[in-house]
Amino acid sequence: MAYNDGNLVESFSIDDLPSDILKDIYQYWLVMKGDRDMPSREDLHPSDIVSLLPYVSLIDVEHDTQRYKMRLVGTETVNALGKDITGKYLDELPEIERHLKGRYEWILKNKRPYIITDKLRWSSKSFLRFCSLGLPLSNDDQNVDIIMYGSYFKIPNEERAEYPAGYDWKA
């Protein structure tokens, strides 16, 4: 399956995800949510997903100030960005904000997962391609309080066994 660069894909199945890591993150989110629309932060137990944590980021949604705080940024994302933005607010990172704010707002409004592939345009490593899975978390099953991301990065022309046959990264 190929995705249009930078466009959110909101209708997908677990088999559409290009790596076992993203499939495992999505499966964990599905188990956490059960029959609810969204799981809560209390459902997330890092000890259950230790091997996936380098690929996970958590973004706090501060509704009263309409700000987004990078609660946790996985080491794979830190390596791809070339810097650790844990603890920073999105509005303190204008080069990143212009690419991500619309995605954050989409997930708050729609309250459901999406996937996106693109080049890492807001990094000095813009040659990297990524696939990210945006997943909403909610304490009240009504409002998104935390956005959980699973992200997977690829150097163009790099071959990895876990990519499904025929998956087009447009590299």
Foldseek 3Di string as FASTA:
>chain_A
DEDDALDKDFDDDLVLDFFPLSSVVVVLQCVQQPPFLGHAPVSDDCVVPVVNQLQKWKWFQDVVVRKIAGQDHHVVRCVQQVHDRHGHILVVLVLVCVSCVVVVVVCQVPVAKIKHWHAPRSHPNSQKIKIKIWHFHDPVSNGGGMIMIGMDIDHPPDDDPRGPPPYCNVD
